[in-house]
C-alpha atoms as a PDB file:
ATOM      1  CA  MET A   1     -34.051 124.651 117.945  1.00  0.00           C
ATOM      2  CA  TYR A   2     -34.676 124.863 121.546  1.00  0.00           C
ATOM      3  CA  LEU A   3     -36.072 128.075 123.479  1.00  0.00           C
ATOM      4  CA  ARG A   4     -35.527 129.547 126.704  1.00  0.00           C
ATOM      5  CA  THR A   5     -36.425 132.588 128.510  1.00  0.00           C
ATOM      6  CA  GLU A   6     -34.622 135.660 129.152  1.00  0.00           C
ATOM      7  CA  SER A   7     -34.043 133.952 132.792  1.00  0.00           C
ATOM      8  CA  GLY A   8     -32.427 131.038 131.628  1.00  0.00           C
ATOM      9  CA  THR A   9     -35.456 128.609 132.498  1.00  0.00           C
ATOM     10  CA  VAL A  10     -37.882 127.529 130.639  1.00  0.00           C
ATOM     11  CA  GLY A  11     -41.836 128.193 131.291  1.00  0.00           C
ATOM     12  CA  ARG A  12     -44.574 125.750 133.123  1.00  0.00           C
ATOM     13  CA  ASP A  13     -44.488 124.061 129.358  1.00  0.00           C
ATOM     14  CA  LYS A  14     -41.846 121.165 129.598  1.00  0.00           C
ATOM     15  CA  SER A  15     -41.365 121.055 126.343  1.00  0.00           C
ATOM     16  CA  VAL A  16     -38.875 123.512 124.742  1.00  0.00           C
ATOM     17  CA  TYR A  17     -38.495 122.247 121.634  1.00  0.00           C
ATOM     18  CA  MET A  18     -39.757 124.204 118.414  1.00  0.00           C
ATOM     19  CA  ASP A  19     -39.596 122.705 114.947  1.00  0.00           C
ATOM     20  CA  LEU A  20     -37.801 125.793 112.242  1.00  0.00           C
ATOM     21  CA  LYS A  21     -39.718 126.130 109.290  1.00  0.00           C
ATOM     22  CA  GLN A  22     -38.265 127.915 106.829  1.00  0.00           C
ATOM     23  CA  SER A  23     -41.447 129.101 105.496  1.00  0.00           C
ATOM     24  CA  THR A  24     -42.285 130.419 109.308  1.00  0.00           C
ATOM     25  CA  ASP A  25     -42.492 134.096 109.265  1.00  0.00           C
ATOM     26  CA  PHE A  26     -40.259 136.000 111.559  1.00  0.00           C
ATOM     27  CA  LYS A  27     -42.845 137.690 113.383  1.00  0.00           C
ATOM     28  CA  LYS A  28     -45.107 134.182 113.708  1.00  0.00           C
ATOM     29  CA  PHE A  29     -42.079 132.521 115.259  1.00  0.00           C
ATOM     30  CA  LEU A  30     -42.142 135.352 117.977  1.00  0.00           C
ATOM     31  CA  LYS A  31     -45.756 134.791 118.828  1.00  0.00           C
ATOM     32  CA  LEU A  32     -45.431 130.782 118.566  1.00  0.00           C
ATOM     33  CA  SER A  33     -41.823 130.976 120.779  1.00  0.00           C
ATOM     34  CA  GLY A  34     -44.017 133.078 123.260  1.00  0.00           C
ATOM     35  CA  LYS A  35     -46.979 131.088 123.723  1.00  0.00           C
ATOM     36  CA  LYS A  36     -44.835 127.772 123.868  1.00  0.00           C
ATOM     37  CA  LEU A  37     -43.267 129.845 126.696  1.00  0.00           C
ATOM     38  CA  LYS A  38     -46.453 131.521 128.048  1.00  0.00           C
ATOM     39  CA  MET A  39     -44.864 134.768 127.541  1.00  0.00           C
ATOM     40  CA  LYS A  40     -44.777 137.887 125.824  1.00  0.00           C
ATOM     41  CA  ALA A  41     -42.234 137.378 122.784  1.00  0.00           C
ATOM     42  CA  VAL A  42     -40.600 140.432 121.708  1.00  0.00           C
ATOM     43  CA  LYS A  43     -36.789 140.073 120.737  1.00  0.00           C
ATOM     44  CA  CYS A  44     -34.801 136.787 120.804  1.00  0.00           C
ATOM     45  CA  TYR A  45     -31.067 136.014 120.800  1.00  0.00           C
ATOM     46  CA  ASN A  46     -28.771 133.544 120.426  1.00  0.00           C
ATOM     47  CA  ALA A  47     -27.406 131.400 123.418  1.00  0.00           C
ATOM     48  CA  ASN A  48     -24.015 130.799 122.572  1.00  0.00           C
ATOM     49  CA  THR A  49     -23.172 134.662 121.144  1.00  0.00           C
ATOM     50  CA  SER A  50     -26.077 136.941 123.099  1.00  0.00           C
ATOM     51  CA  GLN A  51     -26.285 138.413 119.617  1.00  0.00           C
ATOM     52  CA  GLU A  52     -30.051 139.294 118.899  1.00  0.00           C
ATOM     53  CA  ILE A  53     -31.371 137.290 115.695  1.00  0.00           C
ATOM     54  CA  LEU A  54     -33.833 139.458 113.317  1.00  0.00           C
ATOM     55  CA  ASN A  55     -33.805 136.332 110.505  1.00  0.00           C
ATOM     56  CA  LEU A  56     -34.894 132.991 110.710  1.00  0.00           C
ATOM     57  CA  ASP A  57     -31.908 131.931 108.345  1.00  0.00           C
ATOM     58  CA  GLU A  58     -29.252 132.643 111.034  1.00  0.00           C
ATOM     59  CA  VAL A  59     -31.187 129.842 113.211  1.00  0.00           C
ATOM     60  CA  LYS A  60     -29.638 126.099 112.738  1.00  0.00           C
ATOM     61  CA  ALA A  61     -31.760 123.511 113.979  1.00  0.00           C
ATOM     62  CA  ASP A  62     -30.039 122.893 117.169  1.00  0.00           C
ATOM     63  CA  ASP A  63     -29.304 126.173 118.249  1.00  0.00           C
ATOM     64  CA  VAL A  64     -30.594 127.469 121.659  1.00  0.00           C
ATOM     65  CA  VAL A  65     -32.647 130.591 121.371  1.00  0.00           C
ATOM     66  CA  ILE A  66     -33.382 133.209 124.398  1.00  0.00           C
ATOM     67  CA  ILE A  67     -36.928 134.618 124.234  1.00  0.00           C
ATOM     68  CA  THR A  68     -37.332 137.804 125.728  1.00  0.00           C
ATOM     69  CA  SER A  69     -40.246 140.282 126.755  1.00  0.00           C
ATOM     70  CA  GLY A  70     -38.250 143.312 125.158  1.00  0.00           C
ATOM     71  CA  LYS A  71     -35.084 142.993 127.212  1.00  0.00           C
ATOM     72  CA  SER A  72     -31.642 142.822 125.964  1.00  0.00           C
ATOM     73  CA  ILE A  73     -29.244 140.681 126.869  1.00  0.00           C
ATOM     74  CA  SER A  74     -25.336 141.560 127.386  1.00  0.00           C
ATOM     75  CA  PRO A  75     -22.619 139.527 125.853  1.00  0.00           C
ATOM     76  CA  PRO A  76     -20.208 137.916 127.833  1.00  0.00           C
ATOM     77  CA  ALA A  77     -17.025 139.588 128.846  1.00  0.00           C
ATOM     78  CA  ASN A  78     -15.173 136.855 126.726  1.00  0.00           C
ATOM     79  CA  GLY A  79     -17.484 137.140 123.843  1.00  0.00           C
ATOM     80  CA  LEU A  80     -18.655 133.411 124.590  1.00  0.00           C
ATOM     81  CA  ASN A  81     -21.813 132.202 126.606  1.00  0.00           C
ATOM     82  CA  THR A  82     -20.135 130.194 129.821  1.00  0.00           C
ATOM     83  CA  SER A  83     -23.320 129.898 131.380  1.00  0.00           C
ATOM     84  CA  GLN A  84     -24.731 127.528 128.956  1.00  0.00           C
ATOM     85  CA  GLU A  85     -24.560 123.928 130.268  1.00  0.00           C
ATOM     86  CA  THR A  86     -22.598 121.657 128.533  1.00  0.00           C
ATOM     87  CA  MET A  87     -21.893 117.974 128.794  1.00  0.00           C
ATOM     88  CA  PHE A  88     -20.740 115.045 126.612  1.00  0.00           C
ATOM     89  CA  VAL A  89     -21.713 111.711 126.768  1.00  0.00           C
ATOM     90  CA  SER A  90     -21.068 108.407 125.346  1.00  0.00           C
ATOM     91  CA  VAL A  91     -23.105 105.440 124.587  1.00  0.00           C
ATOM     92  CA  LEU A  92     -21.423 102.135 124.733  1.00  0.00           C
ATOM     93  CA  GLY A  93     -21.793  98.453 124.059  1.00  0.00           C
ATOM     94  CA  ALA A  94     -21.946  95.595 122.650  1.00  0.00           C
ATOM     95  CA  GLY A  95     -23.602  95.276 119.072  1.00  0.00           C
ATOM     96  CA  GLY A  96     -26.891  95.068 118.930  1.00  0.00           C
ATOM     97  CA  VAL A  97     -28.112  95.825 122.904  1.00  0.00           C
ATOM     98  CA  GLY A  98     -30.181  98.864 121.611  1.00  0.00           C
ATOM     99  CA  LYS A  99     -27.781 102.059 121.778  1.00  0.00           C
ATOM    100  CA  SER A 100     -28.780 103.663 118.651  1.00  0.00           C
ATOM    101  CA  ALA A 101     -32.742 102.745 119.632  1.00  0.00           C
ATOM    102  CA  ILE A 102     -32.147 104.450 122.897  1.00  0.00           C
ATOM    103  CA  THR A 103     -30.440 107.180 121.862  1.00  0.00           C
ATOM    104  CA  LEU A 104     -32.718 107.961 119.272  1.00  0.00           C
ATOM    105  CA  ARG A 105     -35.624 107.459 121.268  1.00  0.00           C
ATOM    106  CA  PHE A 106     -34.400 109.830 123.531  1.00  0.00           C
ATOM    107  CA  VAL A 107     -33.837 112.450 120.876  1.00  0.00           C
ATOM    108  CA  ARG A 108     -36.326 112.295 118.587  1.00  0.00           C
ATOM    109  CA  ASP A 109     -38.768 109.903 120.509  1.00  0.00           C
ATOM    110  CA  PHE A 110     -39.467 107.179 118.196  1.00  0.00           C
ATOM    111  CA  PHE A 111     -38.312 103.924 117.755  1.00  0.00           C
ATOM    112  CA  VAL A 112     -36.677 102.370 114.998  1.00  0.00           C
ATOM    113  CA  ASN A 113     -37.110  98.541 114.119  1.00  0.00           C
ATOM    114  CA  ASN A 114     -34.257  98.481 111.443  1.00  0.00           C
ATOM    115  CA  TRP A 115     -31.307 100.682 111.886  1.00  0.00           C
ATOM    116  CA  ASP A 116     -27.916  99.919 110.040  1.00  0.00           C
ATOM    117  CA  PRO A 117     -25.376  99.772 112.430  1.00  0.00           C
ATOM    118  CA  THR A 118     -22.872 102.365 113.284  1.00  0.00           C
ATOM    119  CA  ILE A 119     -19.689 102.953 113.305  1.00  0.00           C
ATOM    120  CA  GLU A 120     -20.301 106.417 115.510  1.00  0.00           C
ATOM    121  CA  ASP A 121     -23.147 109.592 115.209  1.00  0.00           C
ATOM    122  CA  ALA A 122     -23.536 112.515 117.465  1.00  0.00           C
ATOM    123  CA  TYR A 123     -26.243 114.296 118.503  1.00  0.00           C
ATOM    124  CA  ARG A 124     -26.985 117.136 120.500  1.00  0.00           C
ATOM    125  CA  LYS A 125     -30.431 117.773 122.446  1.00  0.00           C
ATOM    126  CA  ALA A 126     -31.126 120.601 125.110  1.00  0.00           C
ATOM    127  CA  VAL A 127     -32.673 119.202 127.944  1.00  0.00           C
ATOM    128  CA  ASP A 128     -34.529 120.897 130.902  1.00  0.00           C
ATOM    129  CA  VAL A 129     -33.942 118.612 134.129  1.00  0.00           C
ATOM    130  CA  ASP A 130     -35.052 120.533 137.631  1.00  0.00           C
ATOM    131  CA  ASN A 131     -35.819 123.726 135.589  1.00  0.00           C
ATOM    132  CA  LYS A 132     -32.243 124.233 134.544  1.00  0.00           C
ATOM    133  CA  LEU A 133     -31.697 123.637 130.862  1.00  0.00           C
ATOM    134  CA  CYS A 134     -28.821 121.274 129.319  1.00  0.00           C
ATOM    135  CA  ILE A 135     -27.236 120.743 126.245  1.00  0.00           C
ATOM    136  CA  LEU A 136     -26.184 117.201 126.076  1.00  0.00           C
ATOM    137  CA  ASP A 137     -24.115 116.164 123.171  1.00  0.00           C
ATOM    138  CA  ILE A 138     -24.715 112.219 122.729  1.00  0.00           C
ATOM    139  CA  LEU A 139     -21.999 109.980 120.608  1.00  0.00           C
ATOM    140  CA  ASP A 140     -23.664 106.909 119.857  1.00  0.00           C
ATOM    141  CA  THR A 141     -20.827 104.002 119.360  1.00  0.00           C
ATOM    142  CA  ALA A 142     -20.652 101.319 116.843  1.00  0.00           C
ATOM    143  CA  GLY A 143     -20.050  97.578 119.543  1.00  0.00           C
ATOM    144  CA  GLN A 144     -18.907  95.382 116.598  1.00  0.00           C
ATOM    145  CA  ASP A 145     -15.400  94.154 117.439  1.00  0.00           C
ATOM    146  CA  GLU A 146     -13.810  95.452 114.766  1.00  0.00           C
ATOM    147  CA  PHE A 147     -14.213  98.958 115.915  1.00  0.00           C
ATOM    148  CA  GLU A 148     -12.670  97.892 119.188  1.00  0.00           C
ATOM    149  CA  SER A 149      -9.861 100.060 118.651  1.00  0.00           C
ATOM    150  CA  LEU A 150     -11.722 103.245 118.466  1.00  0.00           C
ATOM    151  CA  ARG A 151     -13.128 102.695 122.288  1.00  0.00           C
ATOM    152  CA  ALA A 152     -10.466 104.606 123.765  1.00  0.00           C
ATOM    153  CA  GLN A 153     -11.043 107.666 121.550  1.00  0.00           C
ATOM    154  CA  TRP A 154     -15.003 107.719 122.181  1.00  0.00           C
ATOM    155  CA  MET A 155     -14.149 107.707 125.797  1.00  0.00           C
ATOM    156  CA  MET A 156     -11.867 110.175 125.938  1.00  0.00           C
ATOM    157  CA  ASP A 157     -13.309 113.855 127.048  1.00  0.00           C
ATOM    158  CA  LYS A 158     -16.435 112.839 128.342  1.00  0.00           C
ATOM    159  CA  ASP A 159     -18.347 113.385 131.597  1.00  0.00           C
ATOM    160  CA  GLY A 160     -19.352 110.221 131.453  1.00  0.00           C
ATOM    161  CA  TYR A 161     -20.832 107.097 129.913  1.00  0.00           C
ATOM    162  CA  ILE A 162     -23.911 105.313 129.768  1.00  0.00           C
ATOM    163  CA  LEU A 163     -23.091 101.388 129.093  1.00  0.00           C
ATOM    164  CA  VAL A 164     -25.784  99.137 127.326  1.00  0.00           C
ATOM    165  CA  TYR A 165     -26.135  95.441 127.543  1.00  0.00           C
ATOM    166  CA  SER A 166     -29.422  93.609 126.842  1.00  0.00           C
ATOM    167  CA  MET A 167     -31.529  91.619 129.206  1.00  0.00           C
ATOM    168  CA  LYS A 168     -31.928  88.726 127.066  1.00  0.00           C
ATOM    169  CA  SER A 169     -28.356  88.198 126.248  1.00  0.00           C
ATOM    170  CA  ARG A 170     -25.688  87.754 128.600  1.00  0.00           C
ATOM    171  CA  THR A 171     -23.083  87.550 126.474  1.00  0.00           C
ATOM    172  CA  SER A 172     -23.523  91.025 125.684  1.00  0.00           C
ATOM    173  CA  PHE A 173     -23.524  91.468 129.779  1.00  0.00           C
ATOM    174  CA  GLU A 174     -20.081  90.107 129.920  1.00  0.00           C
ATOM    175  CA  GLU A 175     -18.844  92.139 126.993  1.00  0.00           C
ATOM    176  CA  LEU A 176     -19.319  95.447 129.461  1.00  0.00           C
ATOM    177  CA  THR A 177     -16.342  94.587 131.377  1.00  0.00           C
ATOM    178  CA  PRO A 178     -13.394  95.865 129.015  1.00  0.00           C
ATOM    179  CA  PHE A 179     -15.377  98.982 128.438  1.00  0.00           C
ATOM    180  CA  PHE A 180     -15.319  99.314 132.873  1.00  0.00           C
ATOM    181  CA  LYS A 181     -11.108  98.555 132.387  1.00  0.00           C
ATOM    182  CA  LEU A 182     -11.145 101.202 129.817  1.00  0.00           C
ATOM    183  CA  HIS A 183     -12.966 103.527 131.649  1.00  0.00           C
ATOM    184  CA  LYS A 184     -10.375 102.895 134.694  1.00  0.00           C
ATOM    185  CA  GLN A 185      -7.424 103.548 132.166  1.00  0.00           C
ATOM    186  CA  ILE A 186      -8.357 106.468 130.973  1.00  0.00           C
ATOM    187  CA  ASN A 187      -9.934 108.358 133.830  1.00  0.00           C
ATOM    188  CA  GLU A 188      -7.604 107.156 136.273  1.00  0.00           C
ATOM    189  CA  SER A 189      -5.773 110.748 136.550  1.00  0.00           C
ATOM    190  CA  ARG A 190      -9.467 112.156 137.743  1.00  0.00           C
ATOM    191  CA  SER A 191      -9.669 112.493 141.564  1.00  0.00           C
ATOM    192  CA  SER A 192     -11.616 110.278 143.492  1.00  0.00           C
ATOM    193  CA  GLU A 193     -13.779 113.216 144.115  1.00  0.00           C
ATOM    194  CA  LYS A 194     -14.191 113.617 140.270  1.00  0.00           C
ATOM    195  CA  HIS A 195     -15.241 110.237 139.550  1.00  0.00           C
ATOM    196  CA  VAL A 196     -16.843 109.791 136.075  1.00  0.00           C
ATOM    197  CA  PRO A 197     -20.758 108.549 136.289  1.00  0.00           C
ATOM    198  CA  ILE A 198     -21.697 105.585 134.650  1.00  0.00           C
ATOM    199  CA  ILE A 199     -25.415 104.892 133.554  1.00  0.00           C
ATOM    200  CA  LEU A 200     -25.773 100.339 133.347  1.00  0.00           C
ATOM    201  CA  VAL A 201     -28.471 100.377 131.167  1.00  0.00           C
ATOM    202  CA  ALA A 202     -30.669  97.018 130.899  1.00  0.00           C
ATOM    203  CA  ASN A 203     -32.442  97.443 128.026  1.00  0.00           C
ATOM    204  CA  LYS A 204     -35.155  95.097 126.382  1.00  0.00           C
ATOM    205  CA  LYS A 205     -37.624  95.367 129.253  1.00  0.00           C
ATOM    206  CA  ASP A 206     -40.654  95.289 127.184  1.00  0.00           C
ATOM    207  CA  ILE A 207     -39.382  91.787 126.095  1.00  0.00           C
ATOM    208  CA  VAL A 208     -38.548  90.268 129.497  1.00  0.00           C
ATOM    209  CA  ASP A 209     -41.587  91.677 130.992  1.00  0.00           C
ATOM    210  CA  SER A 210     -43.710  89.900 128.521  1.00  0.00           C
ATOM    211  CA  ASP A 211     -41.636  86.279 128.073  1.00  0.00           C
ATOM    212  CA  SER A 212     -39.661  86.090 131.391  1.00  0.00           C
ATOM    213  CA  LYS A 213     -37.719  83.121 130.423  1.00  0.00           C
ATOM    214  CA  SER A 214     -36.332  85.141 127.772  1.00  0.00           C
ATOM    215  CA  ARG A 215     -33.796  86.849 130.855  1.00  0.00           C
ATOM    216  CA  GLN A 216     -30.517  85.890 130.455  1.00  0.00           C
ATOM    217  CA  VAL A 217     -29.729  88.404 133.241  1.00  0.00           C
ATOM    218  CA  SER A 218     -31.125  88.657 136.604  1.00  0.00           C
ATOM    219  CA  GLN A 219     -32.245  91.932 137.618  1.00  0.00           C
ATOM    220  CA  SER A 220     -29.481  91.353 141.325  1.00  0.00           C
ATOM    221  CA  GLU A 221     -26.802  90.343 139.052  1.00  0.00           C
ATOM    222  CA  GLY A 222     -26.951  93.906 137.029  1.00  0.00           C
ATOM    223  CA  MET A 223     -27.312  95.675 140.180  1.00  0.00           C
ATOM    224  CA  GLU A 224     -24.147  93.818 142.000  1.00  0.00           C
ATOM    225  CA  PHE A 225     -22.679  94.723 138.423  1.00  0.00           C
ATOM    226  CA  ALA A 226     -23.245  98.511 138.665  1.00  0.00           C
ATOM    227  CA  ALA A 227     -22.126  98.336 142.498  1.00  0.00           C
ATOM    228  CA  LYS A 228     -19.205  96.664 141.923  1.00  0.00           C
ATOM    229  CA  HIS A 229     -18.091  99.550 139.133  1.00  0.00           C
ATOM    230  CA  GLY A 230     -19.688 102.126 140.800  1.00  0.00           C
ATOM    231  CA  ALA A 231     -22.210 102.544 138.368  1.00  0.00           C
ATOM    232  CA  ILE A 232     -25.969 103.045 138.208  1.00  0.00           C
ATOM    233  CA  TYR A 233     -27.883 100.878 137.891  1.00  0.00           C
ATOM    234  CA  CYS A 234     -31.706 101.356 135.395  1.00  0.00           C
ATOM    235  CA  GLU A 235     -33.705  98.954 133.581  1.00  0.00           C
ATOM    236  CA  ALA A 236     -35.298 100.328 129.817  1.00  0.00           C
ATOM    237  CA  SER A 237     -37.169  99.599 126.929  1.00  0.00           C
ATOM    238  CA  ALA A 238     -36.551 101.416 123.734  1.00  0.00           C
ATOM    239  CA  VAL A 239     -39.396 100.180 122.132  1.00  0.00           C
ATOM    240  CA  THR A 240     -42.097 101.237 124.872  1.00  0.00           C
ATOM    241  CA  GLY A 241     -39.826 104.513 125.914  1.00  0.00           C
ATOM    242  CA  GLU A 242     -39.732 103.513 129.512  1.00  0.00           C
ATOM    243  CA  ASN A 243     -37.413 105.262 131.202  1.00  0.00           C
ATOM    244  CA  VAL A 244     -35.093 106.055 128.499  1.00  0.00           C
ATOM    245  CA  VAL A 245     -35.624 110.166 129.797  1.00  0.00           C
ATOM    246  CA  GLY A 246     -34.508 109.012 133.388  1.00  0.00           C
ATOM    247  CA  ILE A 247     -31.623 107.278 131.895  1.00  0.00           C
ATOM    248  CA  PHE A 248     -30.208 110.748 130.458  1.00  0.00           C
ATOM    249  CA  GLU A 249     -31.657 112.911 133.576  1.00  0.00           C
ATOM    250  CA  THR A 250     -30.499 110.773 136.114  1.00  0.00           C
ATOM    251  CA  PHE A 251     -26.518 111.344 134.006  1.00  0.00           C
ATOM    252  CA  ILE A 252     -27.449 115.023 134.115  1.00  0.00           C
ATOM    253  CA  ARG A 253     -27.987 115.272 137.474  1.00  0.00           C
ATOM    254  CA  GLU A 254     -25.024 113.159 138.426  1.00  0.00           C
ATOM    255  CA  VAL A 255     -22.519 115.091 136.419  1.00  0.00           C
ATOM    256  CA  ARG A 256     -24.146 118.383 138.030  1.00  0.00           C
ATOM    257  CA  LYS A 257     -23.431 116.203 141.808  1.00  0.00           C
ATOM    258  CA  ILE A 258     -19.746 115.935 140.870  1.00  0.00           C
ATOM    259  CA  ASN A 259     -19.394 119.645 138.968  1.00  0.00           C
ATOM    260  CA  LEU A 260     -21.158 121.681 141.909  1.00  0.00           C
ATOM    261  CA  PRO A 261     -19.917 121.542 145.530  1.00  0.00           C
ATOM    262  CA  GLN A 262     -21.886 119.358 147.973  1.00  0.00           C
ATOM    263  CA  LYS A 263     -21.884 118.222 151.148  1.00  0.00           C
ATOM    264  CA  LYS A 264     -19.970 114.869 151.938  1.00  0.00           C
ATOM    265  CA  ASP A 265     -22.512 112.092 151.653  1.00  0.00           C
ATOM    266  CA  THR A 266     -21.233 108.614 152.575  1.00  0.00           C
ATOM    267  CA  ILE A 267     -24.501 106.921 151.007  1.00  0.00           C
ATOM    268  CA  ARG A 268     -25.034 106.241 147.121  1.00  0.00           C
ATOM    269  CA  GLN A 269     -28.182 105.708 145.106  1.00  0.00           C
ATOM    270  CA  CYS A 270     -27.246 103.227 142.538  1.00  0.00           C
ATOM    271  CA  CYS A 271     -30.610 101.948 141.043  1.00  0.00           C
ATOM    272  CA  CYS A 272     -33.393 104.155 139.311  1.00  0.00           C
ATOM    273  CA  ILE A 273     -35.895 101.420 138.064  1.00  0.00           C
ATOM    274  CA  LEU A 274     -38.831 102.623 137.017  1.00  0.00           C
END
């Protein structure tokens, strides 16, 4: 489960995730929660319903739980927690570029060598970005040609996209063009001020760093391609985890720029290489 304080922000501890174990006593759970958030934990509430939680059986693994020092929280007038920030993103690209590896490295912080190709997998993760909690709904998609007909469905009603290619495969780089074309078709009705953020991820950085001859797509090509399509360029490695968190944090910040009133800015940052 994911923990946050009654004010809606996490404590100094950057990690707000807690494993939910069936054997954990409720009083012990409150004690552990308080320790994790560096506060005195007396009550806890479901962030979506504002209902007080009295038993761990009422909590699911991906729930967001508000921990308070005794203060009660009032449910919103419409019965829903409209203050909870939620974003929806699809991870797209050709097969074998590491989409699932990047997603799993971010969500569960581990790398899987052998992963069966997926049609689609959904994940949910609470992320603390700039001291504000965001629930990120991630759709990990298939890259094989036989699933091309599903791409439009995967891209509908999303706050943005993460498009992935392998730096050691020019073909995977070239196969991203249809995704950008489909993006324009799906989102052409949105105004220019409400553009859909796209993070262009050049994956397998660990391989090209250790063997420069394996690189088939240069950094300058990737950056030019991203700039051409209004995307933000990032290099990453699912194996080492390098810049993986940065990809999703950058995505959240870009969506926030669109959703919140901003001063007009004529300069746009198009690279987040670490």
